[in-house]
Amino acid sequence: MIGPFVRLVAVTLTAFLVAGCGGGSGNAGAGTAAPLVMARVKDAIGLDPSHQTDGISLNTTAEVMENLVTFKPGSFDIVPALATKWRANAAGTEWTFTLRPKAIFADGTPADAAAVKFNFDRWRLPSDPNRGNFDYSYYADMFGGFPGVIRDVKATSATSVVLELAHPFGPFLRDIAMPSFAIGSPAAIKADPKAFEGKPVGSGPYAVSEWIRDDHITLTANPTYNGPLAKPTFGTVVIRDIPDQATSVLSIQKGDIQMLTDPRPDDAKSLAGQSGITIANQPSNNLAYLALNVEKKPFDQLAVRQAVAYAVDVDAIVKGLYAPGTIAAGNWTPPGMLGENPALNPYPRNVVRAKALLAQAGFPNGFSTDLYYPTAPRPYMPEPQRLAETLQAQLKDAGINVTLQPFEFGVFLSKVRNGEHAMCLIGWSGDNGDPDDFLYPLLDQDSAHKGTAQNYSFWRDPKFHGLMLAGQGTVDERRRRAIYQQANALVHDQVPAVALVHTVVPIALRTSIAGFVPSPDTRYHLELIKPAEAK
């Protein structure tokens, strides 16, 4: 369970470097010749973070590119990145950021206010000449379209940039700390925006030196990095893709890799008891869910959606498919997050009730449908095939006959964004510790545009939309808590999707390395990792 989330209530904020995160640690950086090798089951989709929504891609780009502000490792506390301090006007509609002097990108060009403006304008303005033919769905989903809430961006000096908002926006600082809004080199983007997707240029601790798709990504320490984090100890990091999980387990047992992300629950339990290996659990900040496409009959009927919820045995899923620490999801938002509604519980399994609801909806003999799901494991879904088969069996008990439709993750995303599915099995790893991040992009009408949708239920509820706007439009924590409690209740009752589980995310580590900080946003913070003897 995540501890208390940091409160964003002040309208004037000044940030100072946090002890333990400062660049003046005395670490010269890149002092280890042997590479750090980590493995995961799936490759990134792309490395321009403004175009991506999946954690596998964004966790890589977060090592390479900096945001204006970022999260302190291990928490959602806002700390400096490119900006050393910031303040808001009394209305909360004008934010001024003071940038780190002499910050430069890995290509030697200045990471200054003009570069910040270039990036924000590229994301938010359809007319921007540097925008290219790319989707910026994360920007639209977090800021309400194009240009959305960010009305203007001004570079008032080389080290000062002003962002003007159309209205006060509660999650603003947390949103701009998300990896999708990291600042890239304008020179590199202008030179070849397509090449930037494969080899982004940022001002972070590492740079991408090689990407062999479906095999590995190699990062090398960025010698120009002068930011608040310690410079990397490992001069080279190799991120390997090992789709076969038995092979990845054997690799960490042999010491061929030092880190393994998202091992299966049984594998994590087995590895935890082995000499030379430890398991770190990243805090629960995610959700696995079953999205019901309300544009596809019969899921346009509330009784059918409720029947699905009663047919699913979430407790059995928790016990049979997930690691200890996993909980059944009553709220859409993770445990401990602002807006958690203590009155909500998961739907109890009740097959009799499910059949009665189906009969009420005109399906006394049930119906047939399909379920799309990704083949690659995700942090919130370590065994997608088993989970899909379990849901198929549970729904069959209520008379819902499900045909499973597995897809490679990139293909899966393309199909569900276009609304081709009737049901899909998917999830979300939180980005910023704010309830808006779970509710607005995943369920609001603004996120239900085919082609770029992240609202895979295509649910468009005016009352829910009003709650989202109200939550975004205030920085008062008490008001926001009440708003998001109502939103959680509305989702629970209207069932555009069935919330399944919130789970901790295990990472296997060799004891030959130290310094890994489990973080709720699932970032790895590779720059903090060092050989154990260097502790």
Protein backbone atom coordinates (compact mmCIF):
# COMPACT_ATOMS: atom_id res chain seq x y z
CA MET A 1 0.00 0.00 0.00
CA ILE A 2 1.30 3.42 -0.92
CA GLY A 3 1.83 5.80 1.94
CA PRO A 4 0.15 9.19 2.12
CA PHE A 5 0.34 11.10 -1.13
CA VAL A 6 1.97 14.50 -1.12
CA ARG A 7 -0.53 17.34 -0.95
CA LEU A 8 -0.76 19.95 -3.65
CA VAL A 9 -2.57 22.82 -1.99
CA ALA A 10 -0.24 25.80 -2.15
CA VAL A 11 -0.48 28.32 -4.94
CA THR A 12 3.11 29.43 -4.49
CA LEU A 13 5.72 26.69 -4.51
CA THR A 14 9.48 26.86 -4.31
CA ALA A 15 11.44 23.63 -4.56
CA PHE A 16 14.80 22.84 -3.07
CA LEU A 17 16.95 19.82 -3.70
CA VAL A 18 16.15 16.90 -1.44
CA ALA A 19 18.95 15.46 0.64
CA GLY A 20 20.20 12.27 -0.93
CA CYS A 21 19.10 13.29 -4.44
CA GLY A 22 21.60 16.06 -5.02
CA GLY A 23 24.21 16.05 -7.73
CA GLY A 24 26.89 17.03 -5.26
CA SER A 25 27.24 13.53 -3.90
CA GLY A 26 30.87 13.24 -4.84
CA ASN A 27 30.16 10.46 -7.32
CA ALA A 28 32.21 11.13 -10.41
CA GLY A 29 29.91 8.86 -12.36
CA ALA A 30 30.35 6.19 -15.01
CA GLY A 31 33.14 4.59 -13.03
CA THR A 32 32.15 0.96 -13.62
CA ALA A 33 33.38 -0.67 -16.82
CA ALA A 34 31.21 -3.80 -16.64
CA PRO A 35 27.66 -3.10 -17.83
CA LEU A 36 24.53 -3.36 -15.76
CA VAL A 37 22.29 -5.86 -17.54
CA MET A 38 18.57 -5.97 -16.89
CA ALA A 39 15.86 -7.98 -18.63
CA ARG A 40 12.17 -7.66 -19.31
CA VAL A 41 9.73 -9.73 -21.33
CA LYS A 42 8.88 -7.18 -24.01
CA ASP A 43 10.58 -4.46 -26.04
CA ALA A 44 9.64 -0.80 -26.05
CA ILE A 45 7.19 0.38 -28.72
CA GLY A 46 8.92 3.71 -29.29
CA LEU A 47 11.33 6.03 -27.53
CA ASP A 48 9.82 9.44 -28.19
CA PRO A 49 7.85 9.68 -24.93
CA SER A 50 5.36 12.20 -26.28
CA HIS A 51 3.97 9.49 -28.57
CA GLN A 52 3.87 6.60 -26.11
CA THR A 53 1.55 5.50 -23.32
CA ASP A 54 3.08 2.16 -22.27
CA GLY A 55 5.33 1.86 -19.24
CA ILE A 56 7.92 -0.31 -21.00
CA SER A 57 8.69 2.54 -23.39
CA LEU A 58 8.39 5.35 -20.85
CA ASN A 59 10.56 3.68 -18.21
CA THR A 60 13.37 3.68 -20.76
CA THR A 61 12.94 7.27 -21.91
CA ALA A 62 12.81 8.44 -18.28
CA GLU A 63 16.51 7.55 -18.02
CA VAL A 64 17.34 9.69 -21.04
CA MET A 65 15.15 12.80 -20.88
CA GLU A 66 14.31 15.24 -18.09
CA ASN A 67 11.06 16.97 -17.24
CA LEU A 68 10.69 20.42 -15.77
CA VAL A 69 9.98 18.70 -12.45
CA THR A 70 10.07 15.06 -11.43
CA PHE A 71 9.23 12.70 -8.59
CA LYS A 72 11.62 11.95 -5.78
CA PRO A 73 12.68 8.29 -6.16
CA GLY A 74 10.41 6.11 -4.07
CA SER A 75 7.55 8.60 -3.81
CA PHE A 76 5.36 11.10 -5.61
CA ASP A 77 6.99 14.11 -3.93
CA ILE A 78 7.70 16.79 -6.55
CA VAL A 79 11.41 17.68 -6.80
CA PRO A 80 13.54 19.61 -9.30
CA ALA A 81 14.68 18.35 -12.67
CA LEU A 82 15.35 20.91 -15.42
CA ALA A 83 13.64 23.50 -13.23
CA THR A 84 15.28 24.37 -9.94
CA LYS A 85 12.32 26.32 -8.56
CA TRP A 86 8.82 27.35 -9.55
CA ARG A 87 5.94 29.49 -8.40
CA ALA A 88 2.31 30.12 -9.30
CA ASN A 89 0.33 33.33 -9.27
CA ALA A 90 -2.49 33.76 -6.75
CA ALA A 91 -5.08 32.49 -9.23
CA GLY A 92 -3.08 29.36 -10.01
CA THR A 93 -3.20 30.15 -13.74
CA GLU A 94 0.38 31.28 -14.38
CA TRP A 95 3.38 29.14 -13.50
CA THR A 96 6.93 30.44 -13.73
CA PHE A 97 9.80 27.93 -13.82
CA THR A 98 13.44 28.86 -13.27
CA LEU A 99 15.70 26.45 -15.17
CA ARG A 100 19.07 25.01 -14.27
CA PRO A 101 21.81 27.25 -15.70
CA LYS A 102 24.01 25.69 -18.38
CA ALA A 103 21.84 22.59 -18.78
CA ILE A 104 22.60 20.94 -22.11
CA PHE A 105 21.30 18.04 -24.13
CA ALA A 106 23.49 15.08 -24.98
CA ASP A 107 24.05 16.58 -28.45
CA GLY A 108 25.60 19.68 -26.89
CA THR A 109 22.69 22.05 -27.57
CA PRO A 110 21.20 24.12 -24.72
CA ALA A 111 18.36 22.70 -22.63
CA ASP A 112 16.98 26.18 -22.08
CA ALA A 113 13.64 27.95 -21.96
CA ALA A 114 13.41 28.04 -25.76
CA ALA A 115 13.77 24.25 -25.82
CA VAL A 116 11.01 23.89 -23.21
CA LYS A 117 8.69 26.11 -25.25
CA PHE A 118 9.55 24.15 -28.42
CA ASN A 119 8.49 20.87 -26.80
CA PHE A 120 5.29 22.14 -25.22
CA ASP A 121 4.22 23.86 -28.44
CA ARG A 122 4.93 20.72 -30.44
CA TRP A 123 2.67 18.68 -28.14
CA ARG A 124 -0.20 21.10 -27.72
CA LEU A 125 -0.56 22.97 -31.03
CA PRO A 126 -1.89 21.11 -34.10
CA SER A 127 -0.50 23.93 -36.27
CA ASP A 128 3.05 23.67 -34.92
CA PRO A 129 5.46 22.98 -37.82
CA ASN A 130 7.47 20.51 -35.73
CA ARG A 131 4.48 18.41 -34.70
CA GLY A 132 4.71 15.86 -37.51
CA ASN A 133 2.14 13.18 -38.22
CA PHE A 134 2.18 11.71 -34.72
CA ASP A 135 -0.41 11.05 -32.05
CA TYR A 136 -0.04 13.00 -28.82
CA SER A 137 -2.78 11.10 -27.02
CA TYR A 138 -1.24 11.40 -23.56
CA TYR A 139 -1.16 15.19 -23.86
CA ALA A 140 -4.79 15.31 -24.95
CA ASP A 141 -5.84 12.89 -22.23
CA MET A 142 -4.08 14.73 -19.42
CA PHE A 143 -4.66 18.34 -20.50
CA GLY A 144 -8.05 18.13 -22.21
CA GLY A 145 -7.26 18.26 -25.92
CA PHE A 146 -5.23 20.65 -28.08
CA PRO A 147 -4.13 23.09 -26.82
CA GLY A 148 -6.12 22.09 -23.76
CA VAL A 149 -5.62 23.78 -20.43
CA ILE A 150 -2.13 25.09 -21.32
CA ARG A 151 -3.08 28.29 -23.10
CA ASP A 152 0.38 29.71 -23.78
CA VAL A 153 4.08 29.06 -23.18
CA LYS A 154 6.58 31.92 -23.04
CA ALA A 155 10.36 31.82 -22.80
CA THR A 156 10.97 35.05 -20.89
CA SER A 157 14.74 34.49 -20.66
CA ALA A 158 17.19 31.67 -21.28
CA THR A 159 16.46 30.25 -17.83
CA SER A 160 12.83 31.30 -17.29
CA VAL A 161 9.70 29.86 -18.87
CA VAL A 162 6.08 30.78 -18.10
CA LEU A 163 3.15 28.43 -18.65
CA GLU A 164 -0.26 30.11 -18.76
CA LEU A 165 -3.31 27.99 -17.96
CA ALA A 166 -6.88 28.59 -19.04
CA HIS A 167 -8.01 27.94 -15.46
CA PRO A 168 -6.62 26.53 -12.20
CA PHE A 169 -5.66 22.90 -12.70
CA GLY A 170 -5.26 20.68 -9.64
CA PRO A 171 -3.00 17.94 -11.08
CA PHE A 172 -0.83 20.33 -13.12
CA LEU A 173 2.56 19.82 -11.41
CA ARG A 174 2.08 16.08 -11.17
CA ASP A 175 1.07 15.89 -14.83
CA ILE A 176 4.09 17.72 -16.19
CA ALA A 177 6.33 15.41 -14.11
CA MET A 178 5.13 12.40 -16.12
CA PRO A 179 7.65 10.83 -18.54
CA SER A 180 5.51 11.66 -21.58
CA PHE A 181 6.22 15.34 -20.99
CA ALA A 182 10.00 15.11 -20.88
CA ILE A 183 12.00 17.69 -22.81
CA GLY A 184 13.88 16.60 -25.94
CA SER A 185 16.53 18.34 -28.03
CA PRO A 186 14.84 20.61 -30.60
CA ALA A 187 17.84 20.20 -32.89
CA ALA A 188 17.50 16.42 -32.90
CA ILE A 189 13.72 16.54 -33.38
CA LYS A 190 13.96 19.01 -36.25
CA ALA A 191 16.72 17.02 -37.94
CA ASP A 192 14.70 13.79 -38.10
CA PRO A 193 11.58 13.36 -35.92
CA LYS A 194 11.20 9.75 -37.02
CA ALA A 195 14.78 8.92 -36.05
CA PHE A 196 14.12 10.61 -32.69
CA GLU A 197 11.58 7.87 -31.98
CA GLY A 198 14.41 5.35 -32.05
CA LYS A 199 17.19 7.43 -30.56
CA PRO A 200 15.89 10.31 -28.44
CA VAL A 201 18.24 13.03 -27.28
CA GLY A 202 17.70 14.43 -23.81
CA SER A 203 19.53 15.96 -20.86
CA GLY A 204 19.14 13.01 -18.49
CA PRO A 205 21.72 10.74 -16.85
CA TYR A 206 21.85 8.32 -19.80
CA ALA A 207 21.76 8.44 -23.60
CA VAL A 208 20.56 5.81 -26.06
CA SER A 209 23.53 4.41 -27.96
CA GLU A 210 21.83 1.45 -29.65
CA TRP A 211 18.41 -0.07 -30.10
CA ILE A 212 18.13 -3.47 -31.75
CA ARG A 213 14.39 -4.07 -31.81
CA ASP A 214 13.13 -7.13 -29.97
CA ASP A 215 16.62 -7.78 -28.65
CA HIS A 216 18.13 -5.00 -26.55
CA ILE A 217 18.55 -1.29 -25.86
CA THR A 218 21.96 -0.03 -24.79
CA LEU A 219 22.24 3.12 -22.68
CA THR A 220 25.49 4.91 -21.97
CA ALA A 221 26.17 7.50 -19.30
CA ASN A 222 25.61 11.03 -20.58
CA PRO A 223 28.86 12.96 -19.93
CA THR A 224 27.02 16.29 -20.23
CA TYR A 225 24.54 15.54 -17.45
CA ASN A 226 24.67 18.16 -14.69
CA GLY A 227 21.29 17.67 -13.05
CA PRO A 228 20.15 17.07 -9.47
CA LEU A 229 20.49 13.28 -9.54
CA ALA A 230 23.78 11.49 -8.97
CA LYS A 231 25.73 10.74 -12.11
CA PRO A 232 25.56 7.06 -13.06
CA THR A 233 28.03 4.59 -11.61
CA PHE A 234 27.41 2.13 -14.43
CA GLY A 235 28.74 3.60 -17.65
CA THR A 236 26.67 1.18 -19.71
CA VAL A 237 23.25 -0.35 -19.16
CA VAL A 238 21.93 -3.10 -21.42
CA ILE A 239 18.16 -3.63 -21.35
CA ARG A 240 17.50 -7.07 -22.81
CA ASP A 241 14.22 -8.47 -24.11
CA ILE A 242 13.72 -12.08 -23.01
CA PRO A 243 10.16 -13.09 -23.92
CA ASP A 244 10.54 -16.63 -22.54
CA GLN A 245 10.15 -16.23 -18.80
CA ALA A 246 11.83 -19.53 -17.94
CA THR A 247 14.91 -18.29 -19.80
CA SER A 248 14.87 -14.98 -17.94
CA VAL A 249 14.67 -16.76 -14.58
CA LEU A 250 17.61 -18.98 -15.53
CA SER A 251 19.56 -15.90 -16.66
CA ILE A 252 19.28 -14.16 -13.30
CA GLN A 253 20.05 -17.38 -11.45
CA LYS A 254 23.27 -17.74 -13.46
CA GLY A 255 24.16 -14.07 -13.03
CA ASP A 256 23.94 -13.26 -16.75
CA ILE A 257 21.57 -10.43 -15.81
CA GLN A 258 21.46 -8.39 -12.61
CA MET A 259 17.81 -7.22 -12.77
CA LEU A 260 14.61 -8.92 -13.92
CA THR A 261 11.40 -6.91 -14.12
CA ASP A 262 7.92 -8.35 -13.69
CA PRO A 263 8.70 -12.00 -12.94
CA ARG A 264 5.64 -14.23 -12.68
CA PRO A 265 4.32 -14.53 -9.10
CA ASP A 266 5.48 -18.13 -8.75
CA ASP A 267 8.90 -17.24 -10.14
CA ALA A 268 9.23 -14.27 -7.80
CA LYS A 269 8.39 -16.49 -4.84
CA SER A 270 10.94 -19.09 -5.94
CA LEU A 271 13.69 -16.54 -6.63
CA ALA A 272 13.17 -14.87 -3.24
CA GLY A 273 14.47 -17.95 -1.50
CA GLN A 274 17.62 -18.35 -3.57
CA SER A 275 21.11 -17.27 -2.58
CA GLY A 276 22.41 -14.18 -4.32
CA ILE A 277 18.95 -12.90 -5.31
CA THR A 278 16.53 -10.55 -3.58
CA ILE A 279 13.03 -9.39 -4.50
CA ALA A 280 12.04 -5.72 -4.30
CA ASN A 281 8.34 -4.87 -4.46
CA GLN A 282 7.31 -1.63 -6.09
CA PRO A 283 4.29 -0.13 -4.29
CA SER A 284 0.76 -0.83 -5.45
CA ASN A 285 -0.07 1.93 -7.89
CA ASN A 286 -1.88 0.16 -10.68
CA LEU A 287 -5.10 -1.46 -11.79
CA ALA A 288 -5.94 -4.48 -13.94
CA TYR A 289 -9.43 -4.31 -15.41
CA LEU A 290 -11.88 -5.75 -17.90
CA ALA A 291 -13.13 -2.98 -20.21
CA LEU A 292 -16.64 -3.39 -21.66
CA ASN A 293 -17.16 -1.53 -24.93
CA VAL A 294 -20.51 0.21 -24.44
CA GLU A 295 -20.68 0.92 -28.17
CA LYS A 296 -20.95 -2.84 -28.82
CA LYS A 297 -24.19 -4.63 -27.98
CA PRO A 298 -25.13 -5.92 -25.48
CA PHE A 299 -22.71 -3.91 -23.32
CA ASP A 300 -24.75 -0.78 -23.92
CA GLN A 301 -27.11 -2.19 -21.27
CA LEU A 302 -26.29 -1.58 -17.61
CA ALA A 303 -27.84 -4.91 -16.57
CA VAL A 304 -25.45 -6.80 -18.86
CA ARG A 305 -22.42 -4.95 -17.49
CA GLN A 306 -23.56 -5.65 -13.93
CA ALA A 307 -24.03 -9.31 -14.84
CA VAL A 308 -20.42 -9.49 -15.99
CA ALA A 309 -19.28 -7.97 -12.70
CA TYR A 310 -21.30 -10.51 -10.66
CA ALA A 311 -20.00 -13.40 -12.80
CA VAL A 312 -16.34 -12.57 -12.18
CA ASP A 313 -14.73 -14.13 -9.11
CA VAL A 314 -12.12 -11.54 -8.23
CA ASP A 315 -11.12 -13.24 -4.97
CA ALA A 316 -10.25 -16.42 -6.88
CA ILE A 317 -8.20 -14.37 -9.33
CA VAL A 318 -6.26 -12.72 -6.50
CA LYS A 319 -5.53 -16.02 -4.77
CA GLY A 320 -4.75 -18.05 -7.88
CA LEU A 321 -2.93 -15.69 -10.23
CA TYR A 322 -1.24 -12.95 -8.21
CA ALA A 323 1.53 -12.52 -5.66
CA PRO A 324 0.99 -11.68 -1.98
CA GLY A 325 0.17 -8.02 -1.53
CA THR A 326 -2.42 -8.02 -4.33
CA ILE A 327 -5.91 -6.85 -3.36
CA ALA A 328 -9.28 -7.09 -5.07
CA ALA A 329 -10.25 -3.68 -6.47
CA GLY A 330 -13.33 -2.04 -4.98
CA ASN A 331 -12.21 1.44 -6.02
CA TRP A 332 -10.96 2.26 -9.49
CA THR A 333 -8.08 4.19 -7.94
CA PRO A 334 -5.30 2.39 -5.99
CA PRO A 335 -5.35 2.01 -2.21
CA GLY A 336 -4.34 5.11 -0.27
CA MET A 337 -4.84 7.54 -3.15
CA LEU A 338 -6.81 10.76 -2.69
CA GLY A 339 -10.46 10.02 -3.44
CA GLU A 340 -10.51 6.43 -2.21
CA ASN A 341 -14.09 5.63 -1.26
CA PRO A 342 -14.23 3.34 1.79
CA ALA A 343 -17.86 2.40 1.10
CA LEU A 344 -16.99 0.56 -2.12
CA ASN A 345 -16.26 -3.15 -2.31
CA PRO A 346 -15.64 -5.50 -5.24
CA TYR A 347 -18.78 -7.08 -6.68
CA PRO A 348 -19.23 -10.43 -4.88
CA ARG A 349 -19.46 -13.42 -7.16
CA ASN A 350 -23.12 -14.30 -7.60
CA VAL A 351 -23.85 -16.41 -10.68
CA VAL A 352 -27.57 -16.59 -9.90
CA ARG A 353 -27.76 -12.80 -9.78
CA ALA A 354 -25.73 -12.56 -13.02
CA LYS A 355 -28.14 -14.88 -14.86
CA ALA A 356 -31.15 -12.96 -13.57
CA LEU A 357 -29.70 -9.69 -14.84
CA LEU A 358 -29.02 -11.24 -18.24
CA ALA A 359 -32.60 -12.47 -18.43
CA GLN A 360 -33.81 -8.99 -17.47
CA ALA A 361 -31.74 -7.58 -20.36
CA GLY A 362 -33.28 -10.04 -22.83
CA PHE A 363 -30.65 -12.81 -22.72
CA PRO A 364 -32.19 -15.67 -20.71
CA ASN A 365 -29.87 -18.10 -22.46
CA GLY A 366 -26.81 -15.87 -22.27
CA PHE A 367 -24.86 -14.60 -25.27
CA SER A 368 -21.53 -14.93 -27.06
CA THR A 369 -18.79 -12.32 -27.27
CA ASP A 370 -15.04 -11.96 -27.56
CA LEU A 371 -12.21 -10.86 -25.30
CA TYR A 372 -9.09 -9.13 -26.64
CA TYR A 373 -5.96 -9.34 -24.52
CA PRO A 374 -2.20 -8.76 -24.93
CA THR A 375 0.14 -11.72 -24.97
CA ALA A 376 2.99 -9.92 -23.22
CA PRO A 377 2.99 -9.74 -19.39
CA ARG A 378 2.40 -6.34 -17.84
CA PRO A 379 3.18 -5.17 -14.29
CA TYR A 380 -0.52 -5.36 -13.40
CA MET A 381 -1.05 -8.59 -15.37
CA PRO A 382 1.92 -10.98 -15.05
CA GLU A 383 0.14 -13.91 -16.74
CA PRO A 384 -2.34 -12.54 -19.29
CA GLN A 385 -3.13 -15.90 -20.90
CA ARG A 386 -4.07 -17.51 -17.58
CA LEU A 387 -6.10 -14.47 -16.54
CA ALA A 388 -7.99 -14.45 -19.85
CA GLU A 389 -8.72 -18.18 -19.57
CA THR A 390 -9.88 -17.76 -15.97
CA LEU A 391 -12.29 -14.98 -16.95
CA GLN A 392 -13.52 -17.08 -19.86
CA ALA A 393 -14.38 -19.95 -17.50
CA GLN A 394 -16.02 -17.72 -14.90
CA LEU A 395 -18.20 -15.92 -17.44
CA LYS A 396 -19.26 -19.21 -19.01
CA ASP A 397 -20.81 -20.21 -15.69
CA ALA A 398 -23.25 -17.31 -16.14
CA GLY A 399 -24.00 -18.17 -19.78
CA ILE A 400 -21.56 -15.72 -21.37
CA ASN A 401 -19.55 -17.61 -23.98
CA VAL A 402 -16.24 -15.87 -24.64
CA THR A 403 -13.90 -16.35 -27.58
CA LEU A 404 -10.35 -15.35 -26.65
CA GLN A 405 -8.49 -13.05 -29.03
CA PRO A 406 -4.77 -12.74 -28.10
CA PHE A 407 -2.57 -10.11 -29.79
CA GLU A 408 0.99 -8.83 -29.64
CA PHE A 409 0.92 -5.71 -27.48
CA GLY A 410 1.42 -3.11 -30.21
CA VAL A 411 -1.28 -4.71 -32.37
CA PHE A 412 -3.53 -5.04 -29.32
CA LEU A 413 -3.25 -1.33 -28.52
CA SER A 414 -4.02 -0.36 -32.10
CA LYS A 415 -7.16 -2.49 -32.14
CA VAL A 416 -8.58 -1.41 -28.78
CA ARG A 417 -7.83 2.25 -29.45
CA ASN A 418 -10.02 1.88 -32.53
CA GLY A 419 -12.78 0.17 -30.55
CA GLU A 420 -12.67 -3.12 -32.45
CA HIS A 421 -13.21 -5.18 -29.31
CA ALA A 422 -16.31 -6.06 -27.33
CA MET A 423 -14.30 -6.67 -24.17
CA CYS A 424 -10.61 -6.20 -23.53
CA LEU A 425 -8.29 -7.12 -20.71
CA ILE A 426 -5.95 -4.26 -19.91
CA GLY A 427 -4.61 -2.21 -17.02
CA TRP A 428 -2.81 0.93 -15.97
CA SER A 429 0.30 1.77 -13.99
CA GLY A 430 -0.11 5.16 -12.37
CA ASP A 431 2.07 8.02 -13.49
CA ASN A 432 1.80 10.74 -10.90
CA GLY A 433 -0.02 9.78 -7.70
CA ASP A 434 -3.13 11.77 -8.56
CA PRO A 435 -6.63 10.27 -8.99
CA ASP A 436 -7.11 12.29 -12.17
CA ASP A 437 -4.43 10.09 -13.76
CA PHE A 438 -6.54 6.95 -13.26
CA LEU A 439 -10.01 8.32 -13.88
CA TYR A 440 -9.73 10.98 -16.58
CA PRO A 441 -7.62 9.25 -19.29
CA LEU A 442 -9.19 5.82 -18.77
CA LEU A 443 -12.89 6.65 -18.48
CA ASP A 444 -13.69 10.22 -19.53
CA GLN A 445 -15.42 11.14 -22.77
CA ASP A 446 -12.42 13.25 -23.78
CA SER A 447 -10.41 10.02 -24.03
CA ALA A 448 -12.97 8.14 -26.13
CA HIS A 449 -11.90 9.24 -29.63
CA LYS A 450 -11.30 6.25 -31.87
CA GLY A 451 -7.72 5.93 -33.03
CA THR A 452 -6.21 7.57 -29.97
CA ALA A 453 -8.61 6.36 -27.27
CA GLN A 454 -7.42 5.31 -23.84
CA ASN A 455 -11.00 5.02 -22.66
CA TYR A 456 -11.42 1.50 -24.04
CA SER A 457 -14.99 1.31 -22.74
CA PHE A 458 -15.99 4.29 -24.92
CA TRP A 459 -18.21 5.31 -22.01
CA ARG A 460 -19.39 8.90 -22.19
CA ASP A 461 -21.17 9.94 -19.02
CA PRO A 462 -21.94 13.67 -18.61
CA LYS A 463 -22.05 13.45 -14.83
CA PHE A 464 -18.68 11.74 -14.72
CA HIS A 465 -17.24 14.33 -17.12
CA GLY A 466 -18.49 17.10 -14.85
CA LEU A 467 -16.75 15.49 -11.88
CA MET A 468 -13.51 15.27 -13.85
CA LEU A 469 -13.62 18.95 -14.74
CA ALA A 470 -14.45 19.88 -11.16
CA GLY A 471 -11.54 17.82 -9.81
CA GLN A 472 -9.13 19.37 -12.26
CA GLY A 473 -10.40 22.88 -11.60
CA THR A 474 -9.52 23.07 -7.91
CA VAL A 475 -6.38 22.64 -5.80
CA ASP A 476 -8.35 22.29 -2.55
CA GLU A 477 -7.61 18.78 -1.30
CA ARG A 478 -10.81 18.34 0.70
CA ARG A 479 -12.95 19.26 -2.31
CA ARG A 480 -10.94 17.03 -4.61
CA ARG A 481 -11.26 14.08 -2.21
CA ALA A 482 -15.06 14.36 -2.22
CA ILE A 483 -15.18 14.74 -6.01
CA TYR A 484 -13.11 11.64 -6.68
CA GLN A 485 -14.99 9.60 -4.10
CA GLN A 486 -18.14 10.38 -6.09
CA ALA A 487 -16.36 9.46 -9.31
CA ASN A 488 -15.22 6.12 -7.89
CA ALA A 489 -18.80 5.36 -6.81
CA LEU A 490 -20.19 6.26 -10.24
CA VAL A 491 -17.75 3.94 -12.00
CA HIS A 492 -18.53 1.15 -9.53
CA ASP A 493 -22.28 1.48 -10.09
CA GLN A 494 -22.32 2.03 -13.86
CA VAL A 495 -19.67 -0.64 -14.59
CA PRO A 496 -18.12 0.67 -17.82
CA ALA A 497 -15.33 -1.71 -16.82
CA VAL A 498 -14.83 -4.30 -14.11
CA ALA A 499 -12.00 -3.32 -11.78
CA LEU A 500 -10.07 -6.50 -10.95
CA VAL A 501 -6.94 -6.04 -8.84
CA HIS A 502 -4.34 -3.63 -7.51
CA THR A 503 -1.01 -5.38 -7.16
CA VAL A 504 2.53 -4.77 -6.02
CA VAL A 505 5.15 -5.23 -8.75
CA PRO A 506 8.11 -7.51 -7.98
CA ILE A 507 11.59 -6.94 -9.39
CA ALA A 508 14.31 -9.55 -8.96
CA LEU A 509 17.81 -8.23 -8.20
CA ARG A 510 21.18 -9.86 -7.82
CA THR A 511 22.76 -9.02 -4.47
CA SER A 512 25.84 -7.91 -6.43
CA ILE A 513 24.09 -4.57 -7.02
CA ALA A 514 22.70 -2.02 -4.60
CA GLY A 515 20.84 1.27 -4.65
CA PHE A 516 17.62 0.22 -6.37
CA VAL A 517 14.69 2.30 -5.07
CA PRO A 518 11.21 0.76 -5.51
CA SER A 519 9.03 3.56 -6.85
CA PRO A 520 5.25 3.75 -7.24
CA ASP A 521 5.54 5.03 -10.82
CA THR A 522 7.57 1.84 -11.67
CA ARG A 523 10.63 3.81 -12.78
CA TYR A 524 13.95 2.04 -12.35
CA HIS A 525 16.25 5.02 -11.58
CA LEU A 526 19.20 3.19 -13.08
CA GLU A 527 21.48 6.12 -12.26
CA LEU A 528 21.15 5.25 -8.56
CA ILE A 529 22.23 1.62 -8.95
CA LYS A 530 25.83 0.68 -8.20
CA PRO A 531 27.88 -2.43 -7.41
CA ALA A 532 27.14 -3.66 -3.90
CA GLU A 533 30.72 -3.10 -2.77
CA ALA A 534 30.34 0.60 -3.66
CA LYS A 535 27.63 1.14 -1.03
